[in-house]
Structure formats: structure tokens, C-alpha cells
């Protein structure tokens, strides 16, 4: 009788351990907003899997982001980290090295990037310039699809229990992004060859995807106001090319663009590089549609 009871207790304990293991939570951390939206869709509805975003949603691009104490706590608790890659998250290199057990999913793996502008580091005699890649690949829906695929495969490898669910979610989300791409192509079909000026390099991918040319970039460093000389050169470029529209971003001041507009007669419009939003699952589609509407309104006048 005692042996039978012991066997029953052992079986019960085994079953309880099995249930606990099956219900173990998985915490996915993303570096900033576009990766957050993509990962949310890939992990949608999977029991025990949560997605949280590290950088505050009011932050623009991450070149000058400073890690917060809450970020360190989140990294410590994470089971997987999704980053954009391409140098966008350089501020995390040392931190990631402290957790060599943390799966880091580079969403841009295998994507050939455009060359970016120079970015300043340091001051005075220690200042130097780094040639950087333009890592804003998510603004081309076709490249965004490759990022979603990379995220799904990375999560499937990090959390094999839910591998099929990640892949199924990714396939459903990719179908939506393909439909979005077709919609945007139709909206922007009459604008091929149009020239625009943007605040910085983020929209080079979006423009290239739909045949629009970025003739000039007001600032090559995120958030940095250009010099008076640079503004004068941009005014010449706008005038020489008959450019009618300058595009700024809601995360950055518009002072330099306003100055160029006054000097040239061009108008200033705002485009969102999908680095901030309301956290909705479909916010990528919403923002990209609104960007297309802004472009059509600005360039069809």
C-alpha cells in the first residue's frame, strides 16, 4: 500500500512539473517601436508570451539613446531581445555582452542597407565621424516583411515550444503587409520621379520603394540642427530642382525646414518614420497609410 501511495505521489509531482513547464512565461523585449509592433504581431495570442518595449515611444531614432535603470531591469528579465540591427542599437553592445545567455534577434540580418550619413561622436580634439549604414529598413514594406520573417525565426529558435505559432502569426501578418504594399503602390503610382527633401535619411527606403527621389537631407545627424552654411546649400538645391515639399518628422524640431521654406517657397509637411505610435497592433499600417496620404497631398498640388 505504501509503495502504491508513493508511486501515485511521484506521478502527481511529475504531472505538476510538466504543467508548470508548459505554462512557463516567455518575456520578449524589443529595442524600440517598430520592432515592438512587429514582435507583437508575431507573438499575438500565444499563451504565456509577452512583448514589452524598451525605449520610450516618444523617442525618435536610437543613435543618442541613453539606457535607463528600467531598461537594465527589463534586459535582466528578458528571454529574448529583438533589435533592428545595422548599428541602430550601438548603445546596447556592452550591456548585451553582460548577458551572453540572452538570444538577440537581429531583424535586419541578411538585408543589404543603404549607406548613411556621418554621425558625430565626442567633442573638441576627441571628436570623430563614423560612416554609418542607413538602418531604417522597416520603412520599405518589402524589407519590413524580411524583418518579420527574421523575428519569427529567431523567436522560434529561442522558444521552440511555440515555434509553429510564431510562424503562423508571421505568415498572417506578412499577408497584411503585402496588401499594404499594394495599397501604397496604388496611392503613390503617379508620383514616380518626384523629388523631395527630408529632415534626415530615414525616408530613403520609403521613397525608393515607390519611385520617389530624396534629393537632399537637411540633417545627417538625428535631431541635430544644420549650420547656416548647410541651410544655404539646401536652399540652393531646393531652388535648382524645383522642389515643392520639405518633410520633417514629429519627433524633431522644424526650425531649419521652416527657414528653408521661407527662403524658397517650398512647403513643410510631417512624415512619421514609425518610431512612435499608440501601440496598436495595426499601427505600422496606419502610419504608413497616413505617410502616403501626406505625400500625395504635398506632391499632387
C-alpha atoms as a PDB file:
ATOM      1  CA  UNK A   1       0.000   0.000   0.000  1.00  0.00           C
ATOM      2  CA  UNK A   2       2.834   2.373   0.891  1.00  0.00           C
ATOM      3  CA  UNK A   3       4.595   1.613  -2.391  1.00  0.00           C
ATOM      4  CA  UNK A   4       1.389   2.289  -4.314  1.00  0.00           C
ATOM      5  CA  UNK A   5       0.875   5.596  -2.500  1.00  0.00           C
ATOM      6  CA  UNK A   6       4.476   6.663  -3.167  1.00  0.00           C
ATOM      7  CA  UNK A   7       4.060   5.861  -6.855  1.00  0.00           C
ATOM      8  CA  UNK A   8       0.868   7.939  -7.020  1.00  0.00           C
ATOM      9  CA  UNK A   9       2.597  10.860  -5.296  1.00  0.00           C
ATOM     10  CA  UNK A  10       5.526  10.629  -7.711  1.00  0.00           C
ATOM     11  CA  UNK A  11       3.154  10.566 -10.680  1.00  0.00           C
ATOM     12  CA  UNK A  12       1.267  13.598  -9.346  1.00  0.00           C
ATOM     13  CA  UNK A  13       4.503  15.512  -8.833  1.00  0.00           C
ATOM     14  CA  UNK A  14       5.647  14.643 -12.354  1.00  0.00           C
ATOM     15  CA  UNK A  15       2.358  15.838 -13.833  1.00  0.00           C
ATOM     16  CA  UNK A  16       2.528  19.068 -11.835  1.00  0.00           C
ATOM     17  CA  UNK A  17       6.071  19.746 -13.029  1.00  0.00           C
ATOM     18  CA  UNK A  18       5.018  19.057 -16.591  1.00  0.00           C
ATOM     19  CA  UNK A  19       2.117  21.513 -16.324  1.00  0.00           C
ATOM     20  CA  UNK A  20       4.330  24.161 -14.754  1.00  0.00           C
ATOM     21  CA  UNK A  21       6.866  23.775 -17.563  1.00  0.00           C
ATOM     22  CA  UNK A  22       4.157  24.067 -20.219  1.00  0.00           C
ATOM     23  CA  UNK A  23       2.826  27.251 -18.644  1.00  0.00           C
ATOM     24  CA  UNK A  24       6.206  28.901 -18.156  1.00  0.00           C
ATOM     25  CA  UNK A  25       6.085  32.537 -19.243  1.00  0.00           C
ATOM     26  CA  UNK A  26       8.258  33.858 -22.048  1.00  0.00           C
ATOM     27  CA  UNK A  27       9.268  37.534 -21.966  1.00  0.00           C
ATOM     28  CA  UNK A  28      10.231  39.156 -25.275  1.00  0.00           C
ATOM     29  CA  UNK A  29      11.911  42.565 -25.124  1.00  0.00           C
ATOM     30  CA  UNK A  30      12.204  44.861 -28.138  1.00  0.00           C
ATOM     31  CA  UNK A  31      14.608  47.753 -28.593  1.00  0.00           C
ATOM     32  CA  UNK A  32      12.209  50.380 -29.965  1.00  0.00           C
ATOM     33  CA  UNK A  33       8.810  50.982 -31.521  1.00  0.00           C
ATOM     34  CA  UNK A  34       8.877  49.373 -34.992  1.00  0.00           C
ATOM     35  CA  UNK A  35      10.423  46.197 -33.566  1.00  0.00           C
ATOM     36  CA  UNK A  36       7.781  46.266 -30.836  1.00  0.00           C
ATOM     37  CA  UNK A  37       4.919  46.375 -33.342  1.00  0.00           C
ATOM     38  CA  UNK A  38       6.411  43.587 -35.458  1.00  0.00           C
ATOM     39  CA  UNK A  39       7.131  41.352 -32.455  1.00  0.00           C
ATOM     40  CA  UNK A  40       3.656  41.959 -31.001  1.00  0.00           C
ATOM     41  CA  UNK A  41       2.090  40.659 -34.195  1.00  0.00           C
ATOM     42  CA  UNK A  42       4.398  37.646 -34.372  1.00  0.00           C
ATOM     43  CA  UNK A  43       3.675  36.724 -30.728  1.00  0.00           C
ATOM     44  CA  UNK A  44      -0.016  37.653 -30.763  1.00  0.00           C
ATOM     45  CA  UNK A  45      -2.344  35.391 -28.772  1.00  0.00           C
ATOM     46  CA  UNK A  46       0.316  32.899 -27.690  1.00  0.00           C
ATOM     47  CA  UNK A  47      -0.378  31.883 -24.058  1.00  0.00           C
ATOM     48  CA  UNK A  48       2.323  32.946 -21.603  1.00  0.00           C
ATOM     49  CA  UNK A  49       4.251  35.021 -24.157  1.00  0.00           C
ATOM     50  CA  UNK A  50       4.503  38.756 -23.504  1.00  0.00           C
ATOM     51  CA  UNK A  51       6.165  41.518 -25.511  1.00  0.00           C
ATOM     52  CA  UNK A  52       7.455  44.735 -23.975  1.00  0.00           C
ATOM     53  CA  UNK A  53       9.279  47.682 -25.469  1.00  0.00           C
ATOM     54  CA  UNK A  54      12.439  49.180 -24.032  1.00  0.00           C
ATOM     55  CA  UNK A  55      12.798  52.706 -25.459  1.00  0.00           C
ATOM     56  CA  UNK A  56      10.024  55.134 -24.607  1.00  0.00           C
ATOM     57  CA  UNK A  57       7.634  55.616 -27.502  1.00  0.00           C
ATOM     58  CA  UNK A  58       8.325  59.354 -27.636  1.00  0.00           C
ATOM     59  CA  UNK A  59      11.971  58.637 -28.505  1.00  0.00           C
ATOM     60  CA  UNK A  60      12.979  59.092 -32.132  1.00  0.00           C
ATOM     61  CA  UNK A  61      15.753  57.002 -33.620  1.00  0.00           C
ATOM     62  CA  UNK A  62      18.169  55.461 -31.170  1.00  0.00           C
ATOM     63  CA  UNK A  63      21.583  56.838 -32.116  1.00  0.00           C
ATOM     64  CA  UNK A  64      21.771  59.008 -29.000  1.00  0.00           C
ATOM     65  CA  UNK A  65      19.552  56.986 -26.667  1.00  0.00           C
ATOM     66  CA  UNK A  66      20.710  56.622 -23.066  1.00  0.00           C
ATOM     67  CA  UNK A  67      19.942  53.397 -21.197  1.00  0.00           C
ATOM     68  CA  UNK A  68      17.671  53.820 -18.185  1.00  0.00           C
ATOM     69  CA  UNK A  69      17.614  51.785 -14.981  1.00  0.00           C
ATOM     70  CA  UNK A  70      14.286  50.274 -16.068  1.00  0.00           C
ATOM     71  CA  UNK A  71      15.953  49.093 -19.287  1.00  0.00           C
ATOM     72  CA  UNK A  72      18.564  47.166 -17.307  1.00  0.00           C
ATOM     73  CA  UNK A  73      15.835  45.509 -15.244  1.00  0.00           C
ATOM     74  CA  UNK A  74      13.907  44.599 -18.385  1.00  0.00           C
ATOM     75  CA  UNK A  75      17.028  43.150 -20.007  1.00  0.00           C
ATOM     76  CA  UNK A  76      17.723  41.064 -16.929  1.00  0.00           C
ATOM     77  CA  UNK A  77      14.226  39.554 -17.072  1.00  0.00           C
ATOM     78  CA  UNK A  78      14.065  39.043 -20.842  1.00  0.00           C
ATOM     79  CA  UNK A  79      14.096  35.632 -22.517  1.00  0.00           C
ATOM     80  CA  UNK A  80      14.766  37.113 -25.976  1.00  0.00           C
ATOM     81  CA  UNK A  81      15.718  40.540 -27.307  1.00  0.00           C
ATOM     82  CA  UNK A  82      14.603  41.801 -30.717  1.00  0.00           C
ATOM     83  CA  UNK A  83      16.720  44.577 -32.263  1.00  0.00           C
ATOM     84  CA  UNK A  84      16.652  46.333 -35.611  1.00  0.00           C
ATOM     85  CA  UNK A  85      20.387  45.957 -36.173  1.00  0.00           C
ATOM     86  CA  UNK A  86      22.526  47.861 -38.663  1.00  0.00           C
ATOM     87  CA  UNK A  87      24.110  49.899 -35.870  1.00  0.00           C
ATOM     88  CA  UNK A  88      20.785  51.319 -34.659  1.00  0.00           C
ATOM     89  CA  UNK A  89      21.303  49.968 -31.134  1.00  0.00           C
ATOM     90  CA  UNK A  90      25.030  50.537 -30.625  1.00  0.00           C
ATOM     91  CA  UNK A  91      24.335  51.871 -27.132  1.00  0.00           C
ATOM     92  CA  UNK A  92      23.404  48.321 -26.078  1.00  0.00           C
ATOM     93  CA  UNK A  93      26.547  46.498 -27.189  1.00  0.00           C
ATOM     94  CA  UNK A  94      28.237  46.491 -23.784  1.00  0.00           C
ATOM     95  CA  UNK A  95      25.018  45.640 -21.957  1.00  0.00           C
ATOM     96  CA  UNK A  96      24.227  42.705 -24.229  1.00  0.00           C
ATOM     97  CA  UNK A  97      27.732  41.352 -23.671  1.00  0.00           C
ATOM     98  CA  UNK A  98      26.927  41.045 -19.956  1.00  0.00           C
ATOM     99  CA  UNK A  99      24.147  38.574 -20.776  1.00  0.00           C
ATOM    100  CA  UNK A 100      25.731  36.115 -23.158  1.00  0.00           C
ATOM    101  CA  UNK A 101      22.830  33.732 -22.500  1.00  0.00           C
ATOM    102  CA  UNK A 102      20.256  36.135 -23.960  1.00  0.00           C
ATOM    103  CA  UNK A 103      19.115  35.321 -27.518  1.00  0.00           C
ATOM    104  CA  UNK A 104      19.475  38.512 -29.558  1.00  0.00           C
ATOM    105  CA  UNK A 105      17.375  38.536 -32.727  1.00  0.00           C
ATOM    106  CA  UNK A 106      18.715  40.905 -35.393  1.00  0.00           C
ATOM    107  CA  UNK A 107      15.670  41.734 -37.514  1.00  0.00           C
ATOM    108  CA  UNK A 108      17.822  43.148 -40.325  1.00  0.00           C
ATOM    109  CA  UNK A 109      20.019  40.082 -40.716  1.00  0.00           C
ATOM    110  CA  UNK A 110      20.709  39.447 -44.393  1.00  0.00           C
ATOM    111  CA  UNK A 111      19.302  42.803 -45.545  1.00  0.00           C
ATOM    112  CA  UNK A 112      21.636  44.966 -47.628  1.00  0.00           C
ATOM    113  CA  UNK A 113      21.449  48.510 -46.299  1.00  0.00           C
ATOM    114  CA  UNK A 114      21.959  51.886 -47.893  1.00  0.00           C
ATOM    115  CA  UNK A 115      24.910  53.997 -46.820  1.00  0.00           C
ATOM    116  CA  UNK A 116      24.033  56.599 -44.216  1.00  0.00           C
ATOM    117  CA  UNK A 117      25.459  59.976 -43.318  1.00  0.00           C
ATOM    118  CA  UNK A 118      28.218  60.797 -40.897  1.00  0.00           C
ATOM    119  CA  UNK A 119      27.435  60.814 -37.183  1.00  0.00           C
ATOM    120  CA  UNK A 120      29.428  62.822 -34.661  1.00  0.00           C
ATOM    121  CA  UNK A 121      30.907  61.248 -31.548  1.00  0.00           C
ATOM    122  CA  UNK A 122      32.682  63.264 -28.886  1.00  0.00           C
ATOM    123  CA  UNK A 123      33.797  66.870 -28.754  1.00  0.00           C
ATOM    124  CA  UNK A 124      36.809  69.070 -29.398  1.00  0.00           C
ATOM    125  CA  UNK A 125      40.067  67.217 -30.049  1.00  0.00           C
ATOM    126  CA  UNK A 126      38.451  63.851 -29.379  1.00  0.00           C
ATOM    127  CA  UNK A 127      35.657  64.336 -31.909  1.00  0.00           C
ATOM    128  CA  UNK A 128      35.438  61.963 -34.841  1.00  0.00           C
ATOM    129  CA  UNK A 129      32.989  60.982 -37.549  1.00  0.00           C
ATOM    130  CA  UNK A 130      31.733  57.489 -38.298  1.00  0.00           C
ATOM    131  CA  UNK A 131      30.316  56.500 -41.658  1.00  0.00           C
ATOM    132  CA  UNK A 132      27.171  54.606 -40.758  1.00  0.00           C
ATOM    133  CA  UNK A 133      24.623  52.466 -42.502  1.00  0.00           C
ATOM    134  CA  UNK A 134      21.130  53.762 -43.016  1.00  0.00           C
ATOM    135  CA  UNK A 135      19.317  51.226 -40.853  1.00  0.00           C
ATOM    136  CA  UNK A 136      15.735  52.478 -41.341  1.00  0.00           C
ATOM    137  CA  UNK A 137      14.844  49.457 -43.468  1.00  0.00           C
ATOM    138  CA  UNK A 138      11.393  48.961 -41.894  1.00  0.00           C
ATOM    139  CA  UNK A 139      10.119  51.928 -43.950  1.00  0.00           C
ATOM    140  CA  UNK A 140      10.159  49.745 -47.082  1.00  0.00           C
ATOM    141  CA  UNK A 141       7.314  47.225 -46.635  1.00  0.00           C
ATOM    142  CA  UNK A 142       9.190  44.554 -48.601  1.00  0.00           C
ATOM    143  CA  UNK A 143      12.136  44.849 -46.217  1.00  0.00           C
ATOM    144  CA  UNK A 144       9.755  45.014 -43.250  1.00  0.00           C
ATOM    145  CA  UNK A 145       8.473  41.604 -44.347  1.00  0.00           C
ATOM    146  CA  UNK A 146      12.012  40.222 -44.222  1.00  0.00           C
ATOM    147  CA  UNK A 147      12.378  41.674 -40.729  1.00  0.00           C
ATOM    148  CA  UNK A 148       9.152  39.993 -39.630  1.00  0.00           C
ATOM    149  CA  UNK A 149      10.423  36.693 -41.035  1.00  0.00           C
ATOM    150  CA  UNK A 150      13.712  37.117 -39.145  1.00  0.00           C
ATOM    151  CA  UNK A 151      11.851  37.888 -35.921  1.00  0.00           C
ATOM    152  CA  UNK A 152       9.598  34.839 -36.314  1.00  0.00           C
ATOM    153  CA  UNK A 153      12.518  32.501 -36.980  1.00  0.00           C
ATOM    154  CA  UNK A 154      14.536  33.989 -34.140  1.00  0.00           C
ATOM    155  CA  UNK A 155      11.683  33.559 -31.670  1.00  0.00           C
ATOM    156  CA  UNK A 156      11.009  30.038 -32.929  1.00  0.00           C
ATOM    157  CA  UNK A 157      14.644  29.155 -32.195  1.00  0.00           C
ATOM    158  CA  UNK A 158      14.606  30.841 -28.777  1.00  0.00           C
ATOM    159  CA  UNK A 159      11.234  29.375 -27.758  1.00  0.00           C
ATOM    160  CA  UNK A 160      10.777  26.125 -29.667  1.00  0.00           C
ATOM    161  CA  UNK A 161       7.612  25.279 -27.719  1.00  0.00           C
ATOM    162  CA  UNK A 162       5.743  27.981 -29.627  1.00  0.00           C
ATOM    163  CA  UNK A 163       7.685  27.805 -32.893  1.00  0.00           C
ATOM    164  CA  UNK A 164       4.716  26.918 -35.093  1.00  0.00           C
ATOM    165  CA  UNK A 165       2.575  29.662 -33.528  1.00  0.00           C
ATOM    166  CA  UNK A 166       5.228  32.315 -34.206  1.00  0.00           C
ATOM    167  CA  UNK A 167       5.471  31.209 -37.839  1.00  0.00           C
ATOM    168  CA  UNK A 168       1.700  31.097 -38.328  1.00  0.00           C
ATOM    169  CA  UNK A 169       1.302  34.583 -36.847  1.00  0.00           C
ATOM    170  CA  UNK A 170       4.129  35.887 -39.017  1.00  0.00           C
ATOM    171  CA  UNK A 171       2.523  34.463 -42.161  1.00  0.00           C
ATOM    172  CA  UNK A 172      -0.793  36.141 -41.334  1.00  0.00           C
ATOM    173  CA  UNK A 173       0.895  39.466 -40.564  1.00  0.00           C
ATOM    174  CA  UNK A 174       3.035  39.313 -43.714  1.00  0.00           C
ATOM    175  CA  UNK A 175      -0.132  38.891 -45.778  1.00  0.00           C
ATOM    176  CA  UNK A 176      -1.369  42.173 -44.296  1.00  0.00           C
ATOM    177  CA  UNK A 177       1.918  43.957 -45.064  1.00  0.00           C
ATOM    178  CA  UNK A 178       1.862  42.667 -48.659  1.00  0.00           C
ATOM    179  CA  UNK A 179      -1.665  44.047 -49.034  1.00  0.00           C
ATOM    180  CA  UNK A 180      -0.458  47.345 -47.542  1.00  0.00           C
ATOM    181  CA  UNK A 181       2.405  47.486 -50.044  1.00  0.00           C
ATOM    182  CA  UNK A 182      -0.023  47.039 -52.937  1.00  0.00           C
ATOM    183  CA  UNK A 183      -2.282  49.737 -51.491  1.00  0.00           C
ATOM    184  CA  UNK A 184       0.592  52.203 -51.108  1.00  0.00           C
ATOM    185  CA  UNK A 185       1.844  51.439 -54.611  1.00  0.00           C
ATOM    186  CA  UNK A 186      -1.586  52.330 -55.983  1.00  0.00           C
ATOM    187  CA  UNK A 187      -1.795  55.513 -53.883  1.00  0.00           C
ATOM    188  CA  UNK A 188       1.652  56.737 -54.950  1.00  0.00           C
ATOM    189  CA  UNK A 189       1.604  55.498 -58.546  1.00  0.00           C
ATOM    190  CA  UNK A 190       1.528  58.996 -60.046  1.00  0.00           C
ATOM    191  CA  UNK A 191       4.492  60.291 -58.071  1.00  0.00           C
ATOM    192  CA  UNK A 192       7.372  58.348 -59.619  1.00  0.00           C
ATOM    193  CA  UNK A 193      10.320  60.645 -60.274  1.00  0.00           C
ATOM    194  CA  UNK A 194       9.161  63.359 -57.875  1.00  0.00           C
ATOM    195  CA  UNK A 195      11.937  64.920 -55.799  1.00  0.00           C
ATOM    196  CA  UNK A 196      11.643  65.716 -52.109  1.00  0.00           C
ATOM    197  CA  UNK A 197      13.843  66.934 -49.257  1.00  0.00           C
ATOM    198  CA  UNK A 198      13.631  65.209 -45.867  1.00  0.00           C
ATOM    199  CA  UNK A 199      14.877  66.155 -42.427  1.00  0.00           C
ATOM    200  CA  UNK A 200      17.167  63.132 -42.255  1.00  0.00           C
ATOM    201  CA  UNK A 201      17.838  59.853 -44.005  1.00  0.00           C
ATOM    202  CA  UNK A 202      15.011  57.743 -42.562  1.00  0.00           C
ATOM    203  CA  UNK A 203      12.710  58.070 -45.578  1.00  0.00           C
ATOM    204  CA  UNK A 204      15.225  56.996 -48.218  1.00  0.00           C
ATOM    205  CA  UNK A 205      13.818  53.443 -48.074  1.00  0.00           C
ATOM    206  CA  UNK A 206      10.182  54.542 -48.258  1.00  0.00           C
ATOM    207  CA  UNK A 207      10.907  56.862 -51.172  1.00  0.00           C
ATOM    208  CA  UNK A 208      12.937  54.284 -53.104  1.00  0.00           C
ATOM    209  CA  UNK A 209      10.200  51.671 -52.690  1.00  0.00           C
ATOM    210  CA  UNK A 210       7.732  53.882 -54.582  1.00  0.00           C
ATOM    211  CA  UNK A 211       9.956  55.647 -57.109  1.00  0.00           C
ATOM    212  CA  UNK A 212      10.312  58.952 -55.266  1.00  0.00           C
ATOM    213  CA  UNK A 213      13.749  60.583 -55.095  1.00  0.00           C
ATOM    214  CA  UNK A 214      15.183  62.065 -51.905  1.00  0.00           C
ATOM    215  CA  UNK A 215      17.180  64.877 -53.485  1.00  0.00           C
ATOM    216  CA  UNK A 216      18.539  66.193 -50.200  1.00  0.00           C
ATOM    217  CA  UNK A 217      18.691  65.557 -46.480  1.00  0.00           C
ATOM    218  CA  UNK A 218      18.536  68.595 -44.205  1.00  0.00           C
ATOM    219  CA  UNK A 219      20.414  66.949 -41.331  1.00  0.00           C
ATOM    220  CA  UNK A 220      22.589  63.828 -41.497  1.00  0.00           C
ATOM    221  CA  UNK A 221      22.614  63.502 -37.710  1.00  0.00           C
ATOM    222  CA  UNK A 222      19.325  62.677 -35.986  1.00  0.00           C
ATOM    223  CA  UNK A 223      17.975  65.697 -34.129  1.00  0.00           C
ATOM    224  CA  UNK A 224      20.957  67.918 -34.989  1.00  0.00           C
ATOM    225  CA  UNK A 225      20.177  71.321 -36.480  1.00  0.00           C
ATOM    226  CA  UNK A 226      22.293  72.060 -39.582  1.00  0.00           C
ATOM    227  CA  UNK A 227      24.657  75.011 -39.810  1.00  0.00           C
ATOM    228  CA  UNK A 228      23.802  78.269 -41.587  1.00  0.00           C
ATOM    229  CA  UNK A 229      26.064  77.190 -44.449  1.00  0.00           C
ATOM    230  CA  UNK A 230      24.270  73.853 -44.769  1.00  0.00           C
ATOM    231  CA  UNK A 231      20.902  75.607 -44.815  1.00  0.00           C
ATOM    232  CA  UNK A 232      22.121  77.927 -47.589  1.00  0.00           C
ATOM    233  CA  UNK A 233      23.258  74.930 -49.659  1.00  0.00           C
ATOM    234  CA  UNK A 234      19.912  73.244 -49.132  1.00  0.00           C
ATOM    235  CA  UNK A 235      18.093  76.378 -50.242  1.00  0.00           C
ATOM    236  CA  UNK A 236      20.128  76.316 -53.474  1.00  0.00           C
ATOM    237  CA  UNK A 237      19.337  72.643 -54.015  1.00  0.00           C
ATOM    238  CA  UNK A 238      15.612  73.188 -53.454  1.00  0.00           C
ATOM    239  CA  UNK A 239      15.531  76.130 -55.858  1.00  0.00           C
ATOM    240  CA  UNK A 240      17.612  74.424 -58.563  1.00  0.00           C
ATOM    241  CA  UNK A 241      15.478  71.278 -58.538  1.00  0.00           C
ATOM    242  CA  UNK A 242      12.120  72.996 -58.235  1.00  0.00           C
ATOM    243  CA  UNK A 243      11.348  71.066 -55.072  1.00  0.00           C
ATOM    244  CA  UNK A 244       7.976  71.958 -53.609  1.00  0.00           C
ATOM    245  CA  UNK A 245       7.879  69.885 -50.433  1.00  0.00           C
ATOM    246  CA  UNK A 246      10.118  69.526 -47.376  1.00  0.00           C
ATOM    247  CA  UNK A 247       9.355  66.693 -44.969  1.00  0.00           C
ATOM    248  CA  UNK A 248      10.110  66.802 -41.258  1.00  0.00           C
ATOM    249  CA  UNK A 249       9.381  64.288 -38.501  1.00  0.00           C
ATOM    250  CA  UNK A 250       7.156  64.827 -35.460  1.00  0.00           C
ATOM    251  CA  UNK A 251       9.963  63.793 -33.105  1.00  0.00           C
ATOM    252  CA  UNK A 252      12.277  66.655 -34.127  1.00  0.00           C
ATOM    253  CA  UNK A 253      12.167  70.481 -34.314  1.00  0.00           C
ATOM    254  CA  UNK A 254      11.214  72.122 -37.614  1.00  0.00           C
ATOM    255  CA  UNK A 255      13.257  75.331 -37.331  1.00  0.00           C
ATOM    256  CA  UNK A 256      15.703  74.595 -40.162  1.00  0.00           C
ATOM    257  CA  UNK A 257      12.984  73.307 -42.501  1.00  0.00           C
ATOM    258  CA  UNK A 258      10.887  76.406 -41.784  1.00  0.00           C
ATOM    259  CA  UNK A 259      13.857  78.610 -42.679  1.00  0.00           C
ATOM    260  CA  UNK A 260      14.391  76.794 -45.988  1.00  0.00           C
ATOM    261  CA  UNK A 261      10.674  77.038 -46.746  1.00  0.00           C
ATOM    262  CA  UNK A 262      10.662  80.804 -46.189  1.00  0.00           C
ATOM    263  CA  UNK A 263      13.655  81.267 -48.473  1.00  0.00           C
ATOM    264  CA  UNK A 264      12.435  79.021 -51.288  1.00  0.00           C
ATOM    265  CA  UNK A 265       8.652  78.989 -51.190  1.00  0.00           C
ATOM    266  CA  UNK A 266       8.548  75.243 -50.545  1.00  0.00           C
ATOM    267  CA  UNK A 267       6.051  73.938 -48.000  1.00  0.00           C
ATOM    268  CA  UNK A 268       6.769  71.873 -44.890  1.00  0.00           C
ATOM    269  CA  UNK A 269       4.955  68.599 -44.184  1.00  0.00           C
ATOM    270  CA  UNK A 270       5.358  65.952 -41.492  1.00  0.00           C
ATOM    271  CA  UNK A 271       6.059  62.249 -42.020  1.00  0.00           C
ATOM    272  CA  UNK A 272       6.251  59.693 -39.209  1.00  0.00           C
ATOM    273  CA  UNK A 273       9.129  57.189 -39.540  1.00  0.00           C
ATOM    274  CA  UNK A 274       7.147  54.733 -37.378  1.00  0.00           C
ATOM    275  CA  UNK A 275       9.362  55.279 -34.340  1.00  0.00           C
ATOM    276  CA  UNK A 276       6.424  56.277 -32.176  1.00  0.00           C
ATOM    277  CA  UNK A 277       2.750  55.404 -32.043  1.00  0.00           C
ATOM    278  CA  UNK A 278      -0.219  54.338 -29.963  1.00  0.00           C
ATOM    279  CA  UNK A 279       0.888  50.731 -29.504  1.00  0.00           C
ATOM    280  CA  UNK A 280      -1.907  49.307 -31.663  1.00  0.00           C
ATOM    281  CA  UNK A 281      -1.260  46.041 -33.483  1.00  0.00           C
ATOM    282  CA  UNK A 282      -2.005  47.708 -36.822  1.00  0.00           C
ATOM    283  CA  UNK A 283      -0.134  50.943 -36.121  1.00  0.00           C
ATOM    284  CA  UNK A 284       2.528  50.198 -38.758  1.00  0.00           C
ATOM    285  CA  UNK A 285      -0.162  50.001 -41.439  1.00  0.00           C
ATOM    286  CA  UNK A 286      -1.953  53.081 -40.084  1.00  0.00           C
ATOM    287  CA  UNK A 287       1.167  55.243 -40.018  1.00  0.00           C
ATOM    288  CA  UNK A 288       2.387  54.120 -43.439  1.00  0.00           C
ATOM    289  CA  UNK A 289      -1.020  54.885 -44.991  1.00  0.00           C
ATOM    290  CA  UNK A 290      -1.012  58.327 -43.403  1.00  0.00           C
ATOM    291  CA  UNK A 291       2.512  58.962 -44.726  1.00  0.00           C
ATOM    292  CA  UNK A 292       1.315  58.060 -48.224  1.00  0.00           C
ATOM    293  CA  UNK A 293      -1.666  60.406 -47.883  1.00  0.00           C
ATOM    294  CA  UNK A 294       0.655  63.230 -46.813  1.00  0.00           C
ATOM    295  CA  UNK A 295       2.951  62.611 -49.791  1.00  0.00           C
ATOM    296  CA  UNK A 296       0.047  62.580 -52.235  1.00  0.00           C
ATOM    297  CA  UNK A 297      -1.366  65.797 -50.772  1.00  0.00           C
ATOM    298  CA  UNK A 298       2.018  67.514 -50.892  1.00  0.00           C
ATOM    299  CA  UNK A 299       3.151  66.429 -54.357  1.00  0.00           C
ATOM    300  CA  UNK A 300      -0.066  66.458 -56.361  1.00  0.00           C
ATOM    301  CA  UNK A 301      -0.721  70.163 -55.808  1.00  0.00           C
END
